[in-house]
Structure formats: structure tokens, C-alpha cells
Amino acid sequence: MRITVIEDDDRVARGLVTVLAQAGFEVHRAATAAEAAVAAPSEVVLVDLGLPDGDGLDVIRRLRDRPETAVIVVTARSEEHERVRGLRAGADDYIVKPFGVAELLARIDAVLRRTRGARALCHPGEPLVLGPMRIGVGTREVTVGGTPVALTRKEFELLLLLARRAPNVVSRDVIIDQIWGATWESTTRTLDTHIAALRHKLGRGGLIRTVHGVGYRLLADQPELIG
């Protein structure tokens, strides 16, 4: 999952790049509006409004031509009229500096959830391949070693989330929020049940590893799991 950080302040940019990379994202930085204009497409773009060579709002308006891209304003401008301008320009969310890492990651997960359908439509024919596993994002078909695997809707969404973040750990809270949109205790037991079902259906229990106290990670690219 790729994120572009459009931020001219080097200190702020370094901090954002570090925490996002630690969260498992592929992160790229643009320091100006001109660099942002030629940056490769990303699933999420964080935009500072105060850029040295242009208005961040113009960057946001250009990004509206990419419905599969989620845009979050990250700025020190806290006034209501600034927030209104950012959202009306096309931002999916607006966060004011300073902010906590947990809040930023939660907002990223939320906008990714809202743009999931547009991303699937944008690249319906590109399968996700990890080691012996092949996931058809648009067709919702899964094979392991060439053998088809029949999954329920929730099982497929869970596998796809882990695959897109592989080999990084995806926390239980993020999984529950994105797949079930809930936080109650019964859902955590439902997650455990779905993980067990996935391991059984994939036929290779080691593909999905438990990181105790945190969540799960998919290791389908490990050589010892192939064959």
C-alpha cells in the first residue's frame, strides 16, 4: 500500500515517513506542488496546504481525477473555514497538527475503507501474487499452488487485507475495524474463527502467523512455505 506525503517541512516529513513506514506502508515524499504533480499514483495522499510553490488546495483538486486515491489534509490551519475549504476542494479527511500517530493511522484506515470499491474497479484485472498464493482482486478468486480455494466474503476480505500489508503485522483492532466495522468483544472471537478457517482452507497454516498481543501477518513469500 503506497502513501505519498506532500510536505515541505523536512522535520515533519521525516517524522511522517518514519511512522508510516513502521506501520507497513510504502511511503514517498514530495516537497512541492510541482513534485506532487509528477508523483506516481498512491492509494493515500497526505497534503499540507502551505506549500512553497502553490496552494495545497489545487493539488487536492487535481487528485479528484483519481477516485481510487484517498486524500487527507495534514495542516496547522485549524480554523473552520479552512477545514471547509479543504473538504470542499475534495479532501476525504482533514487533520490538524499536532496530532497523534494512532489518530493518523486510524484516519488512514478509515479513508482506505471508503475508497476500497474505487480501487477494486480501477485495477480489477491485476492479481495479487505472494509466493504460492494468487488473489484475483476483481474476480475474488484465490488459488494456492494452482489449486482454487473457496472463501466466504469475509474470509476473502480478511485475506486481502493481510496480503496487501504483507509481510507486516496488521493489528487486531485494524482488522476488526476494516472488515467488521465494529469493536465489541464478540467480534474478536469472530476474527479468531475466521483466521482458523483461512488457515484450514489455504492448507498451509504457516502462511498466516500470529503475533501475540498485536495481530497477524501473512508470510506467503517465505521460501520454506513454497512447495
C-alpha atoms as a PDB file:
ATOM      1  CA  MET A   1       0.000   0.000   0.000  1.00  0.00           C
ATOM      2  CA  ARG A   2       1.594   3.267  -1.163  1.00  0.00           C
ATOM      3  CA  ILE A   3       1.268   6.642   0.580  1.00  0.00           C
ATOM      4  CA  THR A   4       2.585   9.950  -0.749  1.00  0.00           C
ATOM      5  CA  VAL A   5       3.411  12.659   1.790  1.00  0.00           C
ATOM      6  CA  ILE A   6       3.279  16.165   0.288  1.00  0.00           C
ATOM      7  CA  GLU A   7       5.039  18.268   2.919  1.00  0.00           C
ATOM      8  CA  ASP A   8       7.691  20.985   2.565  1.00  0.00           C
ATOM      9  CA  ASP A   9       8.873  20.932   6.195  1.00  0.00           C
ATOM     10  CA  ASP A  10      11.733  18.413   6.303  1.00  0.00           C
ATOM     11  CA  ARG A  11      11.342  17.648  10.007  1.00  0.00           C
ATOM     12  CA  VAL A  12       7.619  16.979   9.745  1.00  0.00           C
ATOM     13  CA  ALA A  13       8.083  14.978   6.553  1.00  0.00           C
ATOM     14  CA  ARG A  14      10.767  12.769   8.127  1.00  0.00           C
ATOM     15  CA  GLY A  15       8.500  12.043  11.084  1.00  0.00           C
ATOM     16  CA  LEU A  16       5.564  11.118   8.863  1.00  0.00           C
ATOM     17  CA  VAL A  17       7.652   8.934   6.577  1.00  0.00           C
ATOM     18  CA  THR A  18       9.127   7.088   9.569  1.00  0.00           C
ATOM     19  CA  VAL A  19       5.857   6.297  11.360  1.00  0.00           C
ATOM     20  CA  LEU A  20       4.076   5.308   8.143  1.00  0.00           C
ATOM     21  CA  ALA A  21       6.908   3.028   7.065  1.00  0.00           C
ATOM     22  CA  GLN A  22       6.856   1.410  10.508  1.00  0.00           C
ATOM     23  CA  ALA A  23       3.123   0.827  10.033  1.00  0.00           C
ATOM     24  CA  GLY A  24       3.851  -1.179   6.900  1.00  0.00           C
ATOM     25  CA  PHE A  25       3.205   1.365   4.145  1.00  0.00           C
ATOM     26  CA  GLU A  26       5.388   2.149   1.146  1.00  0.00           C
ATOM     27  CA  VAL A  27       5.992   5.873   1.641  1.00  0.00           C
ATOM     28  CA  HIS A  28       7.117   8.534  -0.824  1.00  0.00           C
ATOM     29  CA  ARG A  29       7.604  12.225  -0.169  1.00  0.00           C
ATOM     30  CA  ALA A  30       7.035  15.284  -2.360  1.00  0.00           C
ATOM     31  CA  ALA A  31       8.232  18.639  -1.010  1.00  0.00           C
ATOM     32  CA  THR A  32       6.448  20.890  -3.504  1.00  0.00           C
ATOM     33  CA  ALA A  33       3.299  21.090  -5.593  1.00  0.00           C
ATOM     34  CA  ALA A  34       5.439  20.593  -8.702  1.00  0.00           C
ATOM     35  CA  GLU A  35       6.859  17.322  -7.336  1.00  0.00           C
ATOM     36  CA  ALA A  36       3.371  16.221  -6.340  1.00  0.00           C
ATOM     37  CA  ALA A  37       2.123  16.800  -9.880  1.00  0.00           C
ATOM     38  CA  VAL A  38       4.528  14.209 -11.314  1.00  0.00           C
ATOM     39  CA  ALA A  39       4.428  11.726  -8.428  1.00  0.00           C
ATOM     40  CA  ALA A  40       3.322   8.168  -9.137  1.00  0.00           C
ATOM     41  CA  PRO A  41      -0.260   7.329  -8.096  1.00  0.00           C
ATOM     42  CA  SER A  42      -0.792   6.301  -4.474  1.00  0.00           C
ATOM     43  CA  GLU A  43      -3.669   4.802  -2.538  1.00  0.00           C
ATOM     44  CA  VAL A  44      -3.400   7.619   0.039  1.00  0.00           C
ATOM     45  CA  VAL A  45      -2.011  11.144  -0.253  1.00  0.00           C
ATOM     46  CA  LEU A  46      -1.308  13.373   2.763  1.00  0.00           C
ATOM     47  CA  VAL A  47      -1.312  17.025   1.699  1.00  0.00           C
ATOM     48  CA  ASP A  48      -0.015  20.071   3.573  1.00  0.00           C
ATOM     49  CA  LEU A  49      -1.885  23.196   2.458  1.00  0.00           C
ATOM     50  CA  GLY A  50       1.057  25.571   2.855  1.00  0.00           C
ATOM     51  CA  LEU A  51       3.357  24.517   0.012  1.00  0.00           C
ATOM     52  CA  PRO A  52       6.169  26.843  -1.160  1.00  0.00           C
ATOM     53  CA  ASP A  53       5.211  26.864  -4.844  1.00  0.00           C
ATOM     54  CA  GLY A  54       1.427  26.651  -4.769  1.00  0.00           C
ATOM     55  CA  ASP A  55      -1.752  26.084  -2.823  1.00  0.00           C
ATOM     56  CA  GLY A  56      -2.342  22.616  -1.455  1.00  0.00           C
ATOM     57  CA  LEU A  57      -5.983  23.021  -2.406  1.00  0.00           C
ATOM     58  CA  ASP A  58      -5.002  22.989  -6.087  1.00  0.00           C
ATOM     59  CA  VAL A  59      -3.139  19.726  -5.503  1.00  0.00           C
ATOM     60  CA  ILE A  60      -6.265  18.256  -3.932  1.00  0.00           C
ATOM     61  CA  ARG A  61      -8.435  19.355  -6.853  1.00  0.00           C
ATOM     62  CA  ARG A  62      -6.100  17.629  -9.314  1.00  0.00           C
ATOM     63  CA  LEU A  63      -6.228  14.444  -7.256  1.00  0.00           C
ATOM     64  CA  ARG A  64     -10.011  14.349  -7.570  1.00  0.00           C
ATOM     65  CA  ASP A  65      -9.453  12.879 -11.032  1.00  0.00           C
ATOM     66  CA  ARG A  66      -8.263   9.725  -9.228  1.00  0.00           C
ATOM     67  CA  PRO A  67     -11.291   8.371  -7.326  1.00  0.00           C
ATOM     68  CA  GLU A  68      -9.214   5.414  -6.171  1.00  0.00           C
ATOM     69  CA  THR A  69      -6.900   7.779  -4.224  1.00  0.00           C
ATOM     70  CA  ALA A  70      -7.840   8.900  -0.711  1.00  0.00           C
ATOM     71  CA  VAL A  71      -6.718  12.430   0.218  1.00  0.00           C
ATOM     72  CA  ILE A  72      -6.110  13.657   3.764  1.00  0.00           C
ATOM     73  CA  VAL A  73      -5.205  17.266   4.528  1.00  0.00           C
ATOM     74  CA  VAL A  74      -2.437  17.437   7.153  1.00  0.00           C
ATOM     75  CA  THR A  75      -2.010  21.067   8.183  1.00  0.00           C
ATOM     76  CA  ALA A  76      -1.614  23.577  11.014  1.00  0.00           C
ATOM     77  CA  ARG A  77      -4.630  25.530   9.733  1.00  0.00           C
ATOM     78  CA  SER A  78      -7.299  24.781  12.329  1.00  0.00           C
ATOM     79  CA  GLU A  79      -9.910  27.430  11.513  1.00  0.00           C
ATOM     80  CA  GLU A  80     -13.340  26.165  10.493  1.00  0.00           C
ATOM     81  CA  HIS A  81     -13.341  27.996   7.177  1.00  0.00           C
ATOM     82  CA  GLU A  82     -10.004  26.344   6.268  1.00  0.00           C
ATOM     83  CA  ARG A  83     -11.411  22.905   7.071  1.00  0.00           C
ATOM     84  CA  VAL A  84     -14.474  23.669   4.957  1.00  0.00           C
ATOM     85  CA  ARG A  85     -12.298  24.793   2.034  1.00  0.00           C
ATOM     86  CA  GLY A  86     -10.199  21.628   2.212  1.00  0.00           C
ATOM     87  CA  LEU A  87     -13.181  19.299   2.298  1.00  0.00           C
ATOM     88  CA  ARG A  88     -14.982  21.165  -0.484  1.00  0.00           C
ATOM     89  CA  ALA A  89     -11.842  21.015  -2.634  1.00  0.00           C
ATOM     90  CA  GLY A  90     -12.160  17.239  -2.467  1.00  0.00           C
ATOM     91  CA  ALA A  91     -10.267  16.044   0.609  1.00  0.00           C
ATOM     92  CA  ASP A  92     -11.615  12.890   2.206  1.00  0.00           C
ATOM     93  CA  ASP A  93     -10.448  13.964   5.668  1.00  0.00           C
ATOM     94  CA  TYR A  94      -8.733  16.838   7.463  1.00  0.00           C
ATOM     95  CA  ILE A  95      -6.334  16.548  10.403  1.00  0.00           C
ATOM     96  CA  VAL A  96      -4.740  19.452  12.261  1.00  0.00           C
ATOM     97  CA  LYS A  97      -1.146  19.494  13.501  1.00  0.00           C
ATOM     98  CA  PRO A  98      -0.065  18.465  16.057  1.00  0.00           C
ATOM     99  CA  PHE A  99      -1.739  15.061  16.109  1.00  0.00           C
ATOM    100  CA  GLY A 100      -1.063  11.593  17.484  1.00  0.00           C
ATOM    101  CA  VAL A 101       0.232   8.698  15.415  1.00  0.00           C
ATOM    102  CA  ALA A 102      -2.696   6.489  16.441  1.00  0.00           C
ATOM    103  CA  GLU A 103      -5.198   9.081  15.215  1.00  0.00           C
ATOM    104  CA  LEU A 104      -3.413   9.483  11.880  1.00  0.00           C
ATOM    105  CA  LEU A 105      -3.303   5.728  11.266  1.00  0.00           C
ATOM    106  CA  ALA A 106      -6.978   5.405  12.211  1.00  0.00           C
ATOM    107  CA  ARG A 107      -7.908   8.136   9.742  1.00  0.00           C
ATOM    108  CA  ILE A 108      -5.845   6.467   7.008  1.00  0.00           C
ATOM    109  CA  ASP A 109      -7.598   3.159   7.634  1.00  0.00           C
ATOM    110  CA  ALA A 110     -10.971   4.927   7.511  1.00  0.00           C
ATOM    111  CA  VAL A 111     -10.355   6.612   4.152  1.00  0.00           C
ATOM    112  CA  LEU A 112      -8.917   3.403   2.704  1.00  0.00           C
ATOM    113  CA  ARG A 113     -12.110   1.649   3.697  1.00  0.00           C
ATOM    114  CA  ARG A 114     -14.201   4.305   1.947  1.00  0.00           C
ATOM    115  CA  THR A 115     -12.178   4.108  -1.284  1.00  0.00           C
ATOM    116  CA  ARG A 116     -11.909   0.316  -1.373  1.00  0.00           C
ATOM    117  CA  GLY A 117     -14.572  -0.051  -4.070  1.00  0.00           C
ATOM    118  CA  ALA A 118     -12.992   2.554  -6.346  1.00  0.00           C
ATOM    119  CA  ARG A 119      -9.580   0.860  -6.065  1.00  0.00           C
ATOM    120  CA  ALA A 120     -11.047  -2.501  -6.982  1.00  0.00           C
ATOM    121  CA  LEU A 121     -12.757  -1.016 -10.043  1.00  0.00           C
ATOM    122  CA  CYS A 122      -9.586   0.815 -11.068  1.00  0.00           C
ATOM    123  CA  HIS A 123      -7.445  -2.329 -11.158  1.00  0.00           C
ATOM    124  CA  PRO A 124      -9.898  -5.223 -11.474  1.00  0.00           C
ATOM    125  CA  GLY A 125      -7.628  -7.354 -13.640  1.00  0.00           C
ATOM    126  CA  GLU A 126      -4.391  -7.191 -11.659  1.00  0.00           C
ATOM    127  CA  PRO A 127      -3.963 -10.244  -9.392  1.00  0.00           C
ATOM    128  CA  LEU A 128      -2.010 -10.056  -6.172  1.00  0.00           C
ATOM    129  CA  VAL A 129       0.682 -12.752  -6.103  1.00  0.00           C
ATOM    130  CA  LEU A 130       2.528 -13.729  -2.926  1.00  0.00           C
ATOM    131  CA  GLY A 131       4.632 -16.860  -3.137  1.00  0.00           C
ATOM    132  CA  PRO A 132       2.331 -19.788  -3.979  1.00  0.00           C
ATOM    133  CA  MET A 133      -0.790 -17.694  -3.490  1.00  0.00           C
ATOM    134  CA  ARG A 134      -2.644 -15.780  -6.220  1.00  0.00           C
ATOM    135  CA  ILE A 135      -5.510 -13.440  -5.310  1.00  0.00           C
ATOM    136  CA  GLY A 136      -7.815 -12.055  -8.005  1.00  0.00           C
ATOM    137  CA  VAL A 137      -8.891  -8.725  -6.532  1.00  0.00           C
ATOM    138  CA  GLY A 138     -11.660  -8.120  -9.056  1.00  0.00           C
ATOM    139  CA  THR A 139     -12.739 -11.750  -9.531  1.00  0.00           C
ATOM    140  CA  ARG A 140     -12.396 -12.582  -5.806  1.00  0.00           C
ATOM    141  CA  GLU A 141     -10.741 -15.871  -6.755  1.00  0.00           C
ATOM    142  CA  VAL A 142      -7.919 -17.375  -4.706  1.00  0.00           C
ATOM    143  CA  THR A 143      -5.523 -20.164  -5.647  1.00  0.00           C
ATOM    144  CA  VAL A 144      -2.659 -21.713  -3.672  1.00  0.00           C
ATOM    145  CA  GLY A 145      -0.157 -23.657  -5.741  1.00  0.00           C
ATOM    146  CA  GLY A 146      -2.639 -23.518  -8.617  1.00  0.00           C
ATOM    147  CA  THR A 147      -5.443 -25.086  -6.577  1.00  0.00           C
ATOM    148  CA  PRO A 148      -8.646 -22.987  -6.215  1.00  0.00           C
ATOM    149  CA  VAL A 149      -9.645 -22.079  -2.655  1.00  0.00           C
ATOM    150  CA  ALA A 150     -13.311 -21.309  -1.922  1.00  0.00           C
ATOM    151  CA  LEU A 151     -13.655 -18.471   0.611  1.00  0.00           C
ATOM    152  CA  THR A 152     -16.613 -16.644   2.112  1.00  0.00           C
ATOM    153  CA  ARG A 153     -16.892 -12.896   1.558  1.00  0.00           C
ATOM    154  CA  LYS A 154     -15.418 -12.030   4.965  1.00  0.00           C
ATOM    155  CA  GLU A 155     -12.655 -14.620   4.625  1.00  0.00           C
ATOM    156  CA  PHE A 156     -11.661 -13.125   1.271  1.00  0.00           C
ATOM    157  CA  GLU A 157     -11.660  -9.552   2.639  1.00  0.00           C
ATOM    158  CA  LEU A 158      -9.556 -10.659   5.605  1.00  0.00           C
ATOM    159  CA  LEU A 159      -7.043 -12.452   3.388  1.00  0.00           C
ATOM    160  CA  LEU A 160      -6.830  -9.485   1.018  1.00  0.00           C
ATOM    161  CA  LEU A 161      -6.173  -7.066   3.890  1.00  0.00           C
ATOM    162  CA  LEU A 162      -3.345  -9.245   5.223  1.00  0.00           C
ATOM    163  CA  ALA A 163      -1.938  -9.719   1.706  1.00  0.00           C
ATOM    164  CA  ARG A 164      -1.859  -6.005   0.953  1.00  0.00           C
ATOM    165  CA  ARG A 165       0.074  -5.333   4.163  1.00  0.00           C
ATOM    166  CA  ALA A 166       2.346  -8.412   3.891  1.00  0.00           C
ATOM    167  CA  PRO A 167       4.782  -9.139   5.412  1.00  0.00           C
ATOM    168  CA  ASN A 168       3.963  -6.506   8.030  1.00  0.00           C
ATOM    169  CA  VAL A 169       1.770  -7.130  11.042  1.00  0.00           C
ATOM    170  CA  VAL A 170      -1.854  -5.967  10.887  1.00  0.00           C
ATOM    171  CA  SER A 171      -3.251  -5.303  14.342  1.00  0.00           C
ATOM    172  CA  ARG A 172      -6.436  -6.952  15.557  1.00  0.00           C
ATOM    173  CA  ASP A 173      -8.063  -3.543  16.029  1.00  0.00           C
ATOM    174  CA  VAL A 174      -7.368  -2.531  12.423  1.00  0.00           C
ATOM    175  CA  ILE A 175      -8.663  -5.850  11.077  1.00  0.00           C
ATOM    176  CA  ILE A 176     -11.866  -5.672  13.112  1.00  0.00           C
ATOM    177  CA  ASP A 177     -12.432  -2.040  12.151  1.00  0.00           C
ATOM    178  CA  GLN A 178     -11.871  -2.568   8.422  1.00  0.00           C
ATOM    179  CA  ILE A 179     -13.577  -5.930   7.981  1.00  0.00           C
ATOM    180  CA  TRP A 180     -16.407  -5.740  10.501  1.00  0.00           C
ATOM    181  CA  GLY A 181     -16.561  -2.028  11.331  1.00  0.00           C
ATOM    182  CA  ALA A 182     -17.039  -2.885  14.992  1.00  0.00           C
ATOM    183  CA  THR A 183     -15.116  -3.141  18.249  1.00  0.00           C
ATOM    184  CA  TRP A 184     -17.249  -5.282  20.532  1.00  0.00           C
ATOM    185  CA  GLU A 185     -15.798  -8.343  22.229  1.00  0.00           C
ATOM    186  CA  SER A 186     -17.790 -10.899  20.253  1.00  0.00           C
ATOM    187  CA  THR A 187     -16.138  -9.662  17.056  1.00  0.00           C
ATOM    188  CA  THR A 188     -12.673 -10.546  18.373  1.00  0.00           C
ATOM    189  CA  ARG A 189     -13.836 -14.155  18.729  1.00  0.00           C
ATOM    190  CA  THR A 190     -15.258 -13.957  15.196  1.00  0.00           C
ATOM    191  CA  LEU A 191     -11.829 -12.847  13.963  1.00  0.00           C
ATOM    192  CA  ASP A 192     -10.168 -15.829  15.609  1.00  0.00           C
ATOM    193  CA  THR A 193     -12.708 -18.127  13.956  1.00  0.00           C
ATOM    194  CA  HIS A 194     -12.081 -16.607  10.517  1.00  0.00           C
ATOM    195  CA  ILE A 195      -8.296 -16.858  10.918  1.00  0.00           C
ATOM    196  CA  ALA A 196      -8.628 -20.534  11.816  1.00  0.00           C
ATOM    197  CA  ALA A 197     -10.908 -21.129   8.813  1.00  0.00           C
ATOM    198  CA  LEU A 198      -8.473 -19.358   6.476  1.00  0.00           C
ATOM    199  CA  ARG A 199      -5.542 -21.420   7.701  1.00  0.00           C
ATOM    200  CA  HIS A 200      -7.519 -24.606   7.163  1.00  0.00           C
ATOM    201  CA  LYS A 201      -8.741 -23.668   3.685  1.00  0.00           C
ATOM    202  CA  LEU A 202      -5.367 -22.412   2.491  1.00  0.00           C
ATOM    203  CA  GLY A 203      -3.900 -25.745   3.580  1.00  0.00           C
ATOM    204  CA  ARG A 204      -0.727 -24.123   4.880  1.00  0.00           C
ATOM    205  CA  GLY A 205      -1.076 -22.964   8.447  1.00  0.00           C
ATOM    206  CA  GLY A 206       2.268 -21.147   8.329  1.00  0.00           C
ATOM    207  CA  LEU A 207       1.017 -18.663   5.753  1.00  0.00           C
ATOM    208  CA  ILE A 208      -0.711 -16.652   8.481  1.00  0.00           C
ATOM    209  CA  ARG A 209       1.378 -16.066  11.574  1.00  0.00           C
ATOM    210  CA  THR A 210       0.042 -14.860  14.927  1.00  0.00           C
ATOM    211  CA  VAL A 211       1.957 -12.019  16.582  1.00  0.00           C
ATOM    212  CA  HIS A 212       0.770 -12.432  20.144  1.00  0.00           C
ATOM    213  CA  GLY A 213      -0.729  -9.335  21.694  1.00  0.00           C
ATOM    214  CA  VAL A 214      -0.688  -7.478  18.354  1.00  0.00           C
ATOM    215  CA  GLY A 215      -2.334  -9.190  15.390  1.00  0.00           C
ATOM    216  CA  TYR A 216      -1.491 -11.264  12.323  1.00  0.00           C
ATOM    217  CA  ARG A 217       0.927 -11.212   9.412  1.00  0.00           C
ATOM    218  CA  LEU A 218       0.943 -13.017   6.083  1.00  0.00           C
ATOM    219  CA  LEU A 219       4.241 -14.646   5.104  1.00  0.00           C
ATOM    220  CA  ALA A 220       3.353 -16.175   1.764  1.00  0.00           C
ATOM    221  CA  ASP A 221       6.659 -15.079   0.230  1.00  0.00           C
ATOM    222  CA  GLN A 222       8.781 -17.203   2.558  1.00  0.00           C
ATOM    223  CA  PRO A 223      10.739 -19.874   0.569  1.00  0.00           C
ATOM    224  CA  GLU A 224      10.136 -22.607   3.134  1.00  0.00           C
ATOM    225  CA  LEU A 225       6.391 -22.309   2.610  1.00  0.00           C
ATOM    226  CA  ILE A 226       6.542 -22.939  -1.131  1.00  0.00           C
ATOM    227  CA  GLY A 227       6.193 -26.432  -2.496  1.00  0.00           C
END
